[in-house]
Amino acid sequence: MSENENIPEDNLNVDYNNLYREEAYTDLKVASIRKFIPVKPNGSEDKSRDPFFIGQTQIMSPSGPLPIQCPIDAATLKDAIKKFPEAIQGAIEKLIAEAKQMQQDEESRIVLPNTMPQGKIKLD
């Protein structure tokens, strides 16, 4: 089997109707904001579509730095900067809620004694 057989060819085609130019802004401390500007295949700005913003930061966890990324509902860079703290806080709260739910799901699993996973041989 060649390496190319593992890559589906249809997934490698560029979507010419969904191209963006990316600009990055940072305060070199906490905030990183990426602006995605829609462009046409020739590289000119596509005014028929709206740009969007993504905020990024890192928080410290017991396991080390944890990257946080979220969309920012903003029309301008100034607005994205203003909304950055609230957007990141919302992403952190969502992450915490998801972690708690996963922990609850794990704790609520029913464990039956004397059962073995499939494929295991029980030795008595």
PDB file of N, CA and C in Angstrom:
ATOM      1  N   MET A   1       0.840  -1.174   0.000  1.00  0.00           N
ATOM      2  CA  MET A   1       0.000   0.000   0.000  1.00  0.00           C
ATOM      3  C   MET A   1       0.889   1.242   0.000  1.00  0.00           C
ATOM      4  N   SER A   2       0.651   2.154  -0.932  1.00  0.00           N
ATOM      5  CA  SER A   2       1.453   3.373  -0.987  1.00  0.00           C
ATOM      6  C   SER A   2       0.908   4.408  -0.010  1.00  0.00           C
ATOM      7  N   GLU A   3       1.726   5.427   0.292  1.00  0.00           N
ATOM      8  CA  GLU A   3       1.309   6.476   1.211  1.00  0.00           C
ATOM      9  C   GLU A   3       0.089   7.223   0.697  1.00  0.00           C
ATOM     10  N   ASN A   4      -0.036   7.410  -0.608  1.00  0.00           N
ATOM     11  CA  ASN A   4      -1.137   8.169  -1.194  1.00  0.00           C
ATOM     12  C   ASN A   4      -2.479   7.474  -1.049  1.00  0.00           C
ATOM     13  N   GLU A   5      -2.479   6.172  -0.828  1.00  0.00           N
ATOM     14  CA  GLU A   5      -3.734   5.446  -0.684  1.00  0.00           C
ATOM     15  C   GLU A   5      -4.433   5.793   0.624  1.00  0.00           C
ATOM     16  N   ASN A   6      -3.720   6.326   1.595  1.00  0.00           N
ATOM     17  CA  ASN A   6      -4.316   6.687   2.878  1.00  0.00           C
ATOM     18  C   ASN A   6      -4.998   8.045   2.858  1.00  0.00           C
ATOM     19  N   ILE A   7      -4.761   8.861   1.833  1.00  0.00           N
ATOM     20  CA  ILE A   7      -5.300  10.209   1.762  1.00  0.00           C
ATOM     21  C   ILE A   7      -6.427  10.250   0.738  1.00  0.00           C
ATOM     22  N   PRO A   8      -7.670  10.478   1.199  1.00  0.00           N
ATOM     23  CA  PRO A   8      -8.774  10.567   0.234  1.00  0.00           C
ATOM     24  C   PRO A   8      -8.592  11.795  -0.659  1.00  0.00           C
ATOM     25  N   GLU A   9      -8.578  11.577  -1.950  1.00  0.00           N
ATOM     26  CA  GLU A   9      -8.303  12.654  -2.899  1.00  0.00           C
ATOM     27  C   GLU A   9      -9.349  13.756  -2.832  1.00  0.00           C
ATOM     28  N   ASP A  10     -10.610  13.414  -2.584  1.00  0.00           N
ATOM     29  CA  ASP A  10     -11.660  14.426  -2.573  1.00  0.00           C
ATOM     30  C   ASP A  10     -11.512  15.407  -1.404  1.00  0.00           C
ATOM     31  N   ASN A  11     -10.754  15.060  -0.367  1.00  0.00           N
ATOM     32  CA  ASN A  11     -10.543  15.949   0.763  1.00  0.00           C
ATOM     33  C   ASN A  11      -9.420  16.950   0.515  1.00  0.00           C
ATOM     34  N   LEU A  12      -8.698  16.813  -0.569  1.00  0.00           N
ATOM     35  CA  LEU A  12      -7.568  17.691  -0.849  1.00  0.00           C
ATOM     36  C   LEU A  12      -7.919  18.838  -1.781  1.00  0.00           C
ATOM     37  N   ASN A  13      -9.146  18.884  -2.263  1.00  0.00           N
ATOM     38  CA  ASN A  13      -9.544  19.945  -3.172  1.00  0.00           C
ATOM     39  C   ASN A  13      -9.809  21.229  -2.404  1.00  0.00           C
ATOM     40  N   VAL A  14      -9.291  22.343  -2.889  1.00  0.00           N
ATOM     41  CA  VAL A  14      -9.491  23.646  -2.269  1.00  0.00           C
ATOM     42  C   VAL A  14     -10.884  24.163  -2.608  1.00  0.00           C
ATOM     43  N   ASP A  15     -11.586  24.654  -1.599  1.00  0.00           N
ATOM     44  CA  ASP A  15     -12.908  25.241  -1.791  1.00  0.00           C
ATOM     45  C   ASP A  15     -12.719  26.708  -2.179  1.00  0.00           C
ATOM     46  N   TYR A  16     -12.773  26.994  -3.453  1.00  0.00           N
ATOM     47  CA  TYR A  16     -12.526  28.342  -3.962  1.00  0.00           C
ATOM     48  C   TYR A  16     -13.563  29.352  -3.477  1.00  0.00           C
ATOM     49  N   ASN A  17     -14.706  28.894  -3.005  1.00  0.00           N
ATOM     50  CA  ASN A  17     -15.758  29.787  -2.516  1.00  0.00           C
ATOM     51  C   ASN A  17     -15.654  30.045  -1.021  1.00  0.00           C
ATOM     52  N   ASN A  18     -14.619  29.519  -0.366  1.00  0.00           N
ATOM     53  CA  ASN A  18     -14.487  29.654   1.080  1.00  0.00           C
ATOM     54  C   ASN A  18     -13.040  29.990   1.461  1.00  0.00           C
ATOM     55  N   LEU A  19     -12.454  30.944   0.746  1.00  0.00           N
ATOM     56  CA  LEU A  19     -11.073  31.324   1.000  1.00  0.00           C
ATOM     57  C   LEU A  19     -11.024  32.540   1.935  1.00  0.00           C
ATOM     58  N   TYR A  20     -10.023  32.550   2.818  1.00  0.00           N
ATOM     59  CA  TYR A  20      -9.848  33.646   3.775  1.00  0.00           C
ATOM     60  C   TYR A  20      -8.375  34.025   3.868  1.00  0.00           C
ATOM     61  N   ARG A  21      -8.141  35.317   4.098  1.00  0.00           N
ATOM     62  CA  ARG A  21      -6.806  35.808   4.445  1.00  0.00           C
ATOM     63  C   ARG A  21      -6.822  36.002   5.956  1.00  0.00           C
ATOM     64  N   GLU A  22      -5.756  35.620   6.613  1.00  0.00           N
ATOM     65  CA  GLU A  22      -5.700  35.688   8.070  1.00  0.00           C
ATOM     66  C   GLU A  22      -4.751  36.794   8.512  1.00  0.00           C
ATOM     67  N   GLU A  23      -5.217  37.597   9.461  1.00  0.00           N
ATOM     68  CA  GLU A  23      -4.380  38.603  10.102  1.00  0.00           C
ATOM     69  C   GLU A  23      -4.334  38.272  11.587  1.00  0.00           C
ATOM     70  N   ALA A  24      -3.184  38.425  12.204  1.00  0.00           N
ATOM     71  CA  ALA A  24      -3.030  38.106  13.628  1.00  0.00           C
ATOM     72  C   ALA A  24      -2.639  39.356  14.392  1.00  0.00           C
ATOM     73  N   TYR A  25      -3.252  39.510  15.579  1.00  0.00           N
ATOM     74  CA  TYR A  25      -2.978  40.633  16.464  1.00  0.00           C
ATOM     75  C   TYR A  25      -2.734  40.081  17.864  1.00  0.00           C
ATOM     76  N   THR A  26      -1.785  40.651  18.581  1.00  0.00           N
ATOM     77  CA  THR A  26      -1.504  40.190  19.932  1.00  0.00           C
ATOM     78  C   THR A  26      -1.005  41.339  20.791  1.00  0.00           C
ATOM     79  N   ASP A  27      -1.233  41.222  22.092  1.00  0.00           N
ATOM     80  CA  ASP A  27      -0.675  42.200  23.027  1.00  0.00           C
ATOM     81  C   ASP A  27       0.621  41.672  23.645  1.00  0.00           C
ATOM     82  N   LEU A  28       1.069  40.501  23.197  1.00  0.00           N
ATOM     83  CA  LEU A  28       2.284  39.828  23.679  1.00  0.00           C
ATOM     84  C   LEU A  28       2.207  39.465  25.162  1.00  0.00           C
ATOM     85  N   LYS A  29       1.012  39.491  25.737  1.00  0.00           N
ATOM     86  CA  LYS A  29       0.833  39.116  27.143  1.00  0.00           C
ATOM     87  C   LYS A  29      -0.226  38.025  27.261  1.00  0.00           C
ATOM     88  N   VAL A  30      -1.455  38.387  26.965  1.00  0.00           N
ATOM     89  CA  VAL A  30      -2.577  37.485  27.186  1.00  0.00           C
ATOM     90  C   VAL A  30      -3.357  37.204  25.910  1.00  0.00           C
ATOM     91  N   ALA A  31      -3.609  38.241  25.145  1.00  0.00           N
ATOM     92  CA  ALA A  31      -4.558  38.152  24.041  1.00  0.00           C
ATOM     93  C   ALA A  31      -3.894  37.885  22.699  1.00  0.00           C
ATOM     94  N   SER A  32      -4.546  37.022  21.954  1.00  0.00           N
ATOM     95  CA  SER A  32      -4.218  36.797  20.556  1.00  0.00           C
ATOM     96  C   SER A  32      -5.551  36.765  19.822  1.00  0.00           C
ATOM     97  N   ILE A  33      -5.684  37.634  18.827  1.00  0.00           N
ATOM     98  CA  ILE A  33      -6.919  37.708  18.055  1.00  0.00           C
ATOM     99  C   ILE A  33      -6.567  37.524  16.589  1.00  0.00           C
ATOM    100  N   ARG A  34      -7.277  36.587  15.961  1.00  0.00           N
ATOM    101  CA  ARG A  34      -7.070  36.336  14.535  1.00  0.00           C
ATOM    102  C   ARG A  34      -8.299  36.825  13.779  1.00  0.00           C
ATOM    103  N   LYS A  35      -8.057  37.583  12.727  1.00  0.00           N
ATOM    104  CA  LYS A  35      -9.141  38.072  11.870  1.00  0.00           C
ATOM    105  C   LYS A  35      -9.070  37.315  10.553  1.00  0.00           C
ATOM    106  N   PHE A  36     -10.195  36.769  10.146  1.00  0.00           N
ATOM    107  CA  PHE A  36     -10.287  36.032   8.888  1.00  0.00           C
ATOM    108  C   PHE A  36     -11.106  36.877   7.909  1.00  0.00           C
ATOM    109  N   ILE A  37     -10.446  37.326   6.853  1.00  0.00           N
ATOM    110  CA  ILE A  37     -11.056  38.204   5.864  1.00  0.00           C
ATOM    111  C   ILE A  37     -11.364  37.373   4.622  1.00  0.00           C
ATOM    112  N   PRO A  38     -12.628  37.333   4.205  1.00  0.00           N
ATOM    113  CA  PRO A  38     -12.966  36.548   3.017  1.00  0.00           C
ATOM    114  C   PRO A  38     -12.320  37.132   1.762  1.00  0.00           C
ATOM    115  N   VAL A  39     -11.791  36.243   0.945  1.00  0.00           N
ATOM    116  CA  VAL A  39     -11.163  36.662  -0.310  1.00  0.00           C
ATOM    117  C   VAL A  39     -11.667  35.812  -1.467  1.00  0.00           C
ATOM    118  N   LYS A  40     -11.520  36.376  -2.651  1.00  0.00           N
ATOM    119  CA  LYS A  40     -11.853  35.656  -3.878  1.00  0.00           C
ATOM    120  C   LYS A  40     -10.624  34.859  -4.304  1.00  0.00           C
ATOM    121  N   PRO A  41     -10.775  33.918  -5.225  1.00  0.00           N
ATOM    122  CA  PRO A  41      -9.624  33.121  -5.660  1.00  0.00           C
ATOM    123  C   PRO A  41      -8.452  33.948  -6.204  1.00  0.00           C
ATOM    124  N   ASN A  42      -8.710  35.179  -6.651  1.00  0.00           N
ATOM    125  CA  ASN A  42      -7.616  36.021  -7.145  1.00  0.00           C
ATOM    126  C   ASN A  42      -6.928  36.784  -6.008  1.00  0.00           C
ATOM    127  N   GLY A  43      -7.399  36.618  -4.775  1.00  0.00           N
ATOM    128  CA  GLY A  43      -6.794  37.262  -3.617  1.00  0.00           C
ATOM    129  C   GLY A  43      -7.441  38.569  -3.210  1.00  0.00           C
ATOM    130  N   SER A  44      -8.339  39.103  -4.034  1.00  0.00           N
ATOM    131  CA  SER A  44      -9.013  40.346  -3.674  1.00  0.00           C
ATOM    132  C   SER A  44     -10.079  40.067  -2.609  1.00  0.00           C
ATOM    133  N   GLU A  45     -10.356  41.082  -1.803  1.00  0.00           N
ATOM    134  CA  GLU A  45     -11.330  40.927  -0.719  1.00  0.00           C
ATOM    135  C   GLU A  45     -12.719  40.659  -1.288  1.00  0.00           C
ATOM    136  N   ASP A  46     -13.420  39.697  -0.663  1.00  0.00           N
ATOM    137  CA  ASP A  46     -14.775  39.340  -1.068  1.00  0.00           C
ATOM    138  C   ASP A  46     -15.745  40.082  -0.157  1.00  0.00           C
ATOM    139  N   LYS A  47     -16.272  41.211  -0.627  1.00  0.00           N
ATOM    140  CA  LYS A  47     -17.152  42.072   0.181  1.00  0.00           C
ATOM    141  C   LYS A  47     -18.528  41.453   0.413  1.00  0.00           C
ATOM    142  N   SER A  48     -18.861  40.375  -0.292  1.00  0.00           N
ATOM    143  CA  SER A  48     -20.175  39.751  -0.116  1.00  0.00           C
ATOM    144  C   SER A  48     -20.237  38.878   1.141  1.00  0.00           C
ATOM    145  N   ARG A  49     -19.080  38.619   1.754  1.00  0.00           N
ATOM    146  CA  ARG A  49     -19.033  37.813   2.983  1.00  0.00           C
ATOM    147  C   ARG A  49     -18.394  38.643   4.094  1.00  0.00           C
ATOM    148  N   ASP A  50     -18.811  38.382   5.322  1.00  0.00           N
ATOM    149  CA  ASP A  50     -18.298  39.119   6.474  1.00  0.00           C
ATOM    150  C   ASP A  50     -17.036  38.470   7.034  1.00  0.00           C
ATOM    151  N   PRO A  51     -16.097  39.288   7.500  1.00  0.00           N
ATOM    152  CA  PRO A  51     -14.943  38.722   8.215  1.00  0.00           C
ATOM    153  C   PRO A  51     -15.387  38.201   9.574  1.00  0.00           C
ATOM    154  N   PHE A  52     -14.560  37.374  10.191  1.00  0.00           N
ATOM    155  CA  PHE A  52     -14.854  36.920  11.550  1.00  0.00           C
ATOM    156  C   PHE A  52     -13.570  36.872  12.359  1.00  0.00           C
ATOM    157  N   PHE A  53     -13.742  36.840  13.693  1.00  0.00           N
ATOM    158  CA  PHE A  53     -12.622  36.900  14.617  1.00  0.00           C
ATOM    159  C   PHE A  53     -12.588  35.662  15.507  1.00  0.00           C
ATOM    160  N   ILE A  54     -11.384  35.215  15.834  1.00  0.00           N
ATOM    161  CA  ILE A  54     -11.151  34.103  16.763  1.00  0.00           C
ATOM    162  C   ILE A  54     -10.193  34.608  17.837  1.00  0.00           C
ATOM    163  N   GLY A  55     -10.570  34.437  19.109  1.00  0.00           N
ATOM    164  CA  GLY A  55      -9.707  34.807  20.221  1.00  0.00           C
ATOM    165  C   GLY A  55      -8.962  33.598  20.744  1.00  0.00           C
ATOM    166  N   GLN A  56      -7.737  33.802  21.193  1.00  0.00           N
ATOM    167  CA  GLN A  56      -6.923  32.714  21.745  1.00  0.00           C
ATOM    168  C   GLN A  56      -6.161  33.219  22.956  1.00  0.00           C
ATOM    169  N   THR A  57      -6.015  32.352  23.943  1.00  0.00           N
ATOM    170  CA  THR A  57      -5.171  32.621  25.100  1.00  0.00           C
ATOM    171  C   THR A  57      -4.778  31.286  25.708  1.00  0.00           C
ATOM    172  N   GLN A  58      -4.039  31.337  26.804  1.00  0.00           N
ATOM    173  CA  GLN A  58      -3.691  30.124  27.553  1.00  0.00           C
ATOM    174  C   GLN A  58      -3.979  30.374  29.019  1.00  0.00           C
ATOM    175  N   ILE A  59      -4.479  29.338  29.689  1.00  0.00           N
ATOM    176  CA  ILE A  59      -4.640  29.410  31.136  1.00  0.00           C
ATOM    177  C   ILE A  59      -3.802  28.294  31.744  1.00  0.00           C
ATOM    178  N   MET A  60      -3.363  28.504  32.951  1.00  0.00           N
ATOM    179  CA  MET A  60      -2.571  27.477  33.623  1.00  0.00           C
ATOM    180  C   MET A  60      -3.503  26.486  34.302  1.00  0.00           C
ATOM    181  N   SER A  61      -3.208  25.223  34.137  1.00  0.00           N
ATOM    182  CA  SER A  61      -3.949  24.145  34.788  1.00  0.00           C
ATOM    183  C   SER A  61      -2.934  23.307  35.556  1.00  0.00           C
ATOM    184  N   PRO A  62      -3.400  22.405  36.407  1.00  0.00           N
ATOM    185  CA  PRO A  62      -2.460  21.535  37.115  1.00  0.00           C
ATOM    186  C   PRO A  62      -1.561  20.728  36.175  1.00  0.00           C
ATOM    187  N   SER A  63      -2.028  20.511  34.949  1.00  0.00           N
ATOM    188  CA  SER A  63      -1.248  19.748  33.968  1.00  0.00           C
ATOM    189  C   SER A  63      -0.384  20.633  33.090  1.00  0.00           C
ATOM    190  N   GLY A  64      -0.422  21.948  33.305  1.00  0.00           N
ATOM    191  CA  GLY A  64       0.361  22.868  32.487  1.00  0.00           C
ATOM    192  C   GLY A  64      -0.545  23.808  31.720  1.00  0.00           C
ATOM    193  N   PRO A  65       0.021  24.556  30.769  1.00  0.00           N
ATOM    194  CA  PRO A  65      -0.780  25.532  30.026  1.00  0.00           C
ATOM    195  C   PRO A  65      -1.857  24.848  29.180  1.00  0.00           C
ATOM    196  N   LEU A  66      -3.034  25.440  29.207  1.00  0.00           N
ATOM    197  CA  LEU A  66      -4.173  24.909  28.468  1.00  0.00           C
ATOM    198  C   LEU A  66      -4.619  25.969  27.460  1.00  0.00           C
ATOM    199  N   PRO A  67      -4.527  25.673  26.157  1.00  0.00           N
ATOM    200  CA  PRO A  67      -4.937  26.668  25.158  1.00  0.00           C
ATOM    201  C   PRO A  67      -6.461  26.799  25.129  1.00  0.00           C
ATOM    202  N   ILE A  68      -6.930  28.035  25.038  1.00  0.00           N
ATOM    203  CA  ILE A  68      -8.355  28.344  24.936  1.00  0.00           C
ATOM    204  C   ILE A  68      -8.551  29.122  23.639  1.00  0.00           C
ATOM    205  N   GLN A  69      -9.543  28.721  22.880  1.00  0.00           N
ATOM    206  CA  GLN A  69      -9.843  29.390  21.613  1.00  0.00           C
ATOM    207  C   GLN A  69     -11.345  29.508  21.475  1.00  0.00           C
ATOM    208  N   CYS A  70     -11.822  30.648  20.958  1.00  0.00           N
ATOM    209  CA  CYS A  70     -13.258  30.835  20.799  1.00  0.00           C
ATOM    210  C   CYS A  70     -13.539  31.894  19.740  1.00  0.00           C
ATOM    211  N   PRO A  71     -14.716  31.825  19.128  1.00  0.00           N
ATOM    212  CA  PRO A  71     -15.109  32.890  18.204  1.00  0.00           C
ATOM    213  C   PRO A  71     -15.450  34.148  19.004  1.00  0.00           C
ATOM    214  N   ILE A  72     -15.245  35.294  18.397  1.00  0.00           N
ATOM    215  CA  ILE A  72     -15.635  36.565  18.994  1.00  0.00           C
ATOM    216  C   ILE A  72     -16.628  37.212  18.039  1.00  0.00           C
ATOM    217  N   ASP A  73     -17.814  37.488  18.550  1.00  0.00           N
ATOM    218  CA  ASP A  73     -18.855  38.102  17.736  1.00  0.00           C
ATOM    219  C   ASP A  73     -18.568  39.596  17.643  1.00  0.00           C
ATOM    220  N   ALA A  74     -17.852  39.997  16.590  1.00  0.00           N
ATOM    221  CA  ALA A  74     -17.444  41.381  16.420  1.00  0.00           C
ATOM    222  C   ALA A  74     -17.358  41.719  14.939  1.00  0.00           C
ATOM    223  N   ALA A  75     -17.556  43.002  14.644  1.00  0.00           N
ATOM    224  CA  ALA A  75     -17.475  43.464  13.262  1.00  0.00           C
ATOM    225  C   ALA A  75     -16.145  44.143  12.969  1.00  0.00           C
ATOM    226  N   THR A  76     -15.480  44.651  14.018  1.00  0.00           N
ATOM    227  CA  THR A  76     -14.220  45.359  13.836  1.00  0.00           C
ATOM    228  C   THR A  76     -13.194  44.833  14.835  1.00  0.00           C
ATOM    229  N   LEU A  77     -11.932  45.130  14.572  1.00  0.00           N
ATOM    230  CA  LEU A  77     -10.882  44.726  15.499  1.00  0.00           C
ATOM    231  C   LEU A  77     -11.087  45.384  16.862  1.00  0.00           C
ATOM    232  N   LYS A  78     -11.440  46.653  16.875  1.00  0.00           N
ATOM    233  CA  LYS A  78     -11.674  47.367  18.137  1.00  0.00           C
ATOM    234  C   LYS A  78     -12.769  46.674  18.945  1.00  0.00           C
ATOM    235  N   ASP A  79     -13.839  46.279  18.285  1.00  0.00           N
ATOM    236  CA  ASP A  79     -14.936  45.566  18.948  1.00  0.00           C
ATOM    237  C   ASP A  79     -14.472  44.192  19.441  1.00  0.00           C
ATOM    238  N   ALA A  80     -13.642  43.509  18.651  1.00  0.00           N
ATOM    239  CA  ALA A  80     -13.126  42.192  19.051  1.00  0.00           C
ATOM    240  C   ALA A  80     -12.247  42.310  20.292  1.00  0.00           C
ATOM    241  N   ILE A  81     -11.431  43.365  20.351  1.00  0.00           N
ATOM    242  CA  ILE A  81     -10.588  43.586  21.524  1.00  0.00           C
ATOM    243  C   ILE A  81     -11.457  43.820  22.757  1.00  0.00           C
ATOM    244  N   LYS A  82     -12.502  44.607  22.597  1.00  0.00           N
ATOM    245  CA  LYS A  82     -13.415  44.907  23.708  1.00  0.00           C
ATOM    246  C   LYS A  82     -14.137  43.644  24.198  1.00  0.00           C
ATOM    247  N   LYS A  83     -14.537  42.780  23.264  1.00  0.00           N
ATOM    248  CA  LYS A  83     -15.314  41.579  23.606  1.00  0.00           C
ATOM    249  C   LYS A  83     -14.443  40.370  23.961  1.00  0.00           C
ATOM    250  N   PHE A  84     -13.129  40.487  23.778  1.00  0.00           N
ATOM    251  CA  PHE A  84     -12.216  39.374  24.027  1.00  0.00           C
ATOM    252  C   PHE A  84     -12.380  38.761  25.423  1.00  0.00           C
ATOM    253  N   PRO A  85     -12.328  39.575  26.516  1.00  0.00           N
ATOM    254  CA  PRO A  85     -12.407  38.958  27.852  1.00  0.00           C
ATOM    255  C   PRO A  85     -13.695  38.157  28.072  1.00  0.00           C
ATOM    256  N   GLU A  86     -14.813  38.700  27.648  1.00  0.00           N
ATOM    257  CA  GLU A  86     -16.089  38.013  27.833  1.00  0.00           C
ATOM    258  C   GLU A  86     -16.157  36.718  27.011  1.00  0.00           C
ATOM    259  N   ALA A  87     -15.664  36.780  25.785  1.00  0.00           N
ATOM    260  CA  ALA A  87     -15.682  35.591  24.923  1.00  0.00           C
ATOM    261  C   ALA A  87     -14.805  34.486  25.505  1.00  0.00           C
ATOM    262  N   ILE A  88     -13.614  34.845  25.969  1.00  0.00           N
ATOM    263  CA  ILE A  88     -12.707  33.844  26.546  1.00  0.00           C
ATOM    264  C   ILE A  88     -13.300  33.285  27.838  1.00  0.00           C
ATOM    265  N   GLN A  89     -13.879  34.143  28.673  1.00  0.00           N
ATOM    266  CA  GLN A  89     -14.495  33.676  29.923  1.00  0.00           C
ATOM    267  C   GLN A  89     -15.612  32.684  29.618  1.00  0.00           C
ATOM    268  N   GLY A  90     -16.418  32.974  28.600  1.00  0.00           N
ATOM    269  CA  GLY A  90     -17.475  32.044  28.196  1.00  0.00           C
ATOM    270  C   GLY A  90     -16.911  30.709  27.739  1.00  0.00           C
ATOM    271  N   ALA A  91     -15.803  30.739  27.000  1.00  0.00           N
ATOM    272  CA  ALA A  91     -15.170  29.498  26.532  1.00  0.00           C
ATOM    273  C   ALA A  91     -14.625  28.698  27.706  1.00  0.00           C
ATOM    274  N   ILE A  92     -14.052  29.386  28.691  1.00  0.00           N
ATOM    275  CA  ILE A  92     -13.524  28.703  29.877  1.00  0.00           C
ATOM    276  C   ILE A  92     -14.662  28.055  30.661  1.00  0.00           C
ATOM    277  N   GLU A  93     -15.758  28.787  30.851  1.00  0.00           N
ATOM    278  CA  GLU A  93     -16.911  28.246  31.575  1.00  0.00           C
ATOM    279  C   GLU A  93     -17.483  27.032  30.856  1.00  0.00           C
ATOM    280  N   LYS A  94     -17.547  27.090  29.534  1.00  0.00           N
ATOM    281  CA  LYS A  94     -18.039  25.948  28.757  1.00  0.00           C
ATOM    282  C   LYS A  94     -17.109  24.746  28.922  1.00  0.00           C
ATOM    283  N   LEU A  95     -15.814  24.982  28.890  1.00  0.00           N
ATOM    284  CA  LEU A  95     -14.825  23.918  29.061  1.00  0.00           C
ATOM    285  C   LEU A  95     -14.964  23.265  30.436  1.00  0.00           C
ATOM    286  N   ILE A  96     -15.131  24.083  31.466  1.00  0.00           N
ATOM    287  CA  ILE A  96     -15.300  23.562  32.828  1.00  0.00           C
ATOM    288  C   ILE A  96     -16.574  22.743  32.933  1.00  0.00           C
ATOM    289  N   ALA A  97     -17.671  23.241  32.357  1.00  0.00           N
ATOM    290  CA  ALA A  97     -18.941  22.511  32.392  1.00  0.00           C
ATOM    291  C   ALA A  97     -18.822  21.169  31.671  1.00  0.00           C
ATOM    292  N   GLU A  98     -18.142  21.150  30.538  1.00  0.00           N
ATOM    293  CA  GLU A  98     -17.951  19.897  29.800  1.00  0.00           C
ATOM    294  C   GLU A  98     -17.098  18.913  30.599  1.00  0.00           C
ATOM    295  N   ALA A  99     -16.069  19.406  31.266  1.00  0.00           N
ATOM    296  CA  ALA A  99     -15.219  18.533  32.080  1.00  0.00           C
ATOM    297  C   ALA A  99     -16.001  17.956  33.247  1.00  0.00           C
ATOM    298  N   LYS A 100     -16.824  18.779  33.889  1.00  0.00           N
ATOM    299  CA  LYS A 100     -17.647  18.286  35.003  1.00  0.00           C
ATOM    300  C   LYS A 100     -18.635  17.237  34.520  1.00  0.00           C
ATOM    301  N   GLN A 101     -19.232  17.475  33.348  1.00  0.00           N
ATOM    302  CA  GLN A 101     -20.183  16.508  32.804  1.00  0.00           C
ATOM    303  C   GLN A 101     -19.493  15.187  32.482  1.00  0.00           C
ATOM    304  N   MET A 102     -18.293  15.260  31.922  1.00  0.00           N
ATOM    305  CA  MET A 102     -17.546  14.034  31.630  1.00  0.00           C
ATOM    306  C   MET A 102     -17.221  13.290  32.922  1.00  0.00           C
ATOM    307  N   GLN A 103     -16.854  14.021  33.956  1.00  0.00           N
ATOM    308  CA  GLN A 103     -16.540  13.404  35.240  1.00  0.00           C
ATOM    309  C   GLN A 103     -17.790  12.748  35.836  1.00  0.00           C
ATOM    310  N   GLN A 104     -18.931  13.436  35.754  1.00  0.00           N
ATOM    311  CA  GLN A 104     -20.186  12.857  36.261  1.00  0.00           C
ATOM    312  C   GLN A 104     -20.565  11.613  35.483  1.00  0.00           C
ATOM    313  N   ASP A 105     -20.417  11.669  34.167  1.00  0.00           N
ATOM    314  CA  ASP A 105     -20.729  10.503  33.334  1.00  0.00           C
ATOM    315  C   ASP A 105     -19.843   9.322  33.708  1.00  0.00           C
ATOM    316  N   GLU A 106     -18.572   9.594  33.944  1.00  0.00           N
ATOM    317  CA  GLU A 106     -17.637   8.530  34.308  1.00  0.00           C
ATOM    318  C   GLU A 106     -17.979   7.949  35.681  1.00  0.00           C
ATOM    319  N   GLU A 107     -18.327   8.815  36.623  1.00  0.00           N
ATOM    320  CA  GLU A 107     -18.650   8.356  37.976  1.00  0.00           C
ATOM    321  C   GLU A 107     -19.965   7.596  38.032  1.00  0.00           C
ATOM    322  N   SER A 108     -20.870   7.877  37.108  1.00  0.00           N
ATOM    323  CA  SER A 108     -22.176   7.227  37.143  1.00  0.00           C
ATOM    324  C   SER A 108     -22.208   5.901  36.388  1.00  0.00           C
ATOM    325  N   ARG A 109     -21.096   5.539  35.768  1.00  0.00           N
ATOM    326  CA  ARG A 109     -21.061   4.246  35.080  1.00  0.00           C
ATOM    327  C   ARG A 109     -21.257   3.128  36.083  1.00  0.00           C
ATOM    328  N   ILE A 110     -22.046   2.178  35.717  1.00  0.00           N
ATOM    329  CA  ILE A 110     -22.299   1.028  36.583  1.00  0.00           C
ATOM    330  C   ILE A 110     -21.221  -0.011  36.331  1.00  0.00           C
ATOM    331  N   VAL A 111     -20.558  -0.413  37.385  1.00  0.00           N
ATOM    332  CA  VAL A 111     -19.536  -1.441  37.292  1.00  0.00           C
ATOM    333  C   VAL A 111     -20.095  -2.701  37.942  1.00  0.00           C
ATOM    334  N   LEU A 112     -20.152  -3.771  37.162  1.00  0.00           N
ATOM    335  CA  LEU A 112     -20.678  -5.031  37.657  1.00  0.00           C
ATOM    336  C   LEU A 112     -19.528  -5.930  38.082  1.00  0.00           C
ATOM    337  N   PRO A 113     -19.616  -6.500  39.275  1.00  0.00           N
ATOM    338  CA  PRO A 113     -18.553  -7.410  39.708  1.00  0.00           C
ATOM    339  C   PRO A 113     -18.574  -8.705  38.886  1.00  0.00           C
ATOM    340  N   ASN A 114     -17.430  -9.330  38.804  1.00  0.00           N
ATOM    341  CA  ASN A 114     -17.272 -10.616  38.126  1.00  0.00           C
ATOM    342  C   ASN A 114     -17.598 -10.571  36.641  1.00  0.00           C
ATOM    343  N   THR A 115     -17.430  -9.428  36.015  1.00  0.00           N
ATOM    344  CA  THR A 115     -17.596  -9.377  34.565  1.00  0.00           C
ATOM    345  C   THR A 115     -16.253  -9.014  33.963  1.00  0.00           C
ATOM    346  N   MET A 116     -15.974  -9.606  32.857  1.00  0.00           N
ATOM    347  CA  MET A 116     -14.707  -9.376  32.174  1.00  0.00           C
ATOM    348  C   MET A 116     -14.991  -8.747  30.819  1.00  0.00           C
ATOM    349  N   PRO A 117     -14.141  -7.869  30.392  1.00  0.00           N
ATOM    350  CA  PRO A 117     -14.301  -7.330  29.043  1.00  0.00           C
ATOM    351  C   PRO A 117     -14.170  -8.440  28.008  1.00  0.00           C
ATOM    352  N   GLN A 118     -14.806  -8.259  26.863  1.00  0.00           N
ATOM    353  CA  GLN A 118     -14.723  -9.263  25.800  1.00  0.00           C
ATOM    354  C   GLN A 118     -13.276  -9.487  25.416  1.00  0.00           C
ATOM    355  N   GLY A 119     -12.967 -10.710  25.126  1.00  0.00           N
ATOM    356  CA  GLY A 119     -11.628 -11.057  24.702  1.00  0.00           C
ATOM    357  C   GLY A 119     -10.705 -11.413  25.835  1.00  0.00           C
ATOM    358  N   LYS A 120     -11.144 -11.286  27.062  1.00  0.00           N
ATOM    359  CA  LYS A 120     -10.328 -11.608  28.224  1.00  0.00           C
ATOM    360  C   LYS A 120     -10.753 -12.985  28.749  1.00  0.00           C
ATOM    361  N   ILE A 121      -9.804 -13.691  29.251  1.00  0.00           N
ATOM    362  CA  ILE A 121     -10.090 -15.010  29.815  1.00  0.00           C
ATOM    363  C   ILE A 121     -10.100 -14.873  31.324  1.00  0.00           C
ATOM    364  N   LYS A 122     -11.168 -15.368  31.939  1.00  0.00           N
ATOM    365  CA  LYS A 122     -11.287 -15.305  33.391  1.00  0.00           C
ATOM    366  C   LYS A 122     -10.620 -16.540  33.984  1.00  0.00           C
ATOM    367  N   LEU A 123      -9.680 -16.292  34.852  1.00  0.00           N
ATOM    368  CA  LEU A 123      -8.957 -17.385  35.503  1.00  0.00           C
ATOM    369  C   LEU A 123      -9.452 -17.515  36.929  1.00  0.00           C
ATOM    370  N   ASP A 124      -9.885 -18.686  37.316  1.00  0.00           N
ATOM    371  CA  ASP A 124     -10.337 -18.946  38.699  1.00  0.00           C
ATOM    372  C   ASP A 124      -9.394 -19.895  39.390  1.00  0.00           C
TER     373      ASP A 124
END
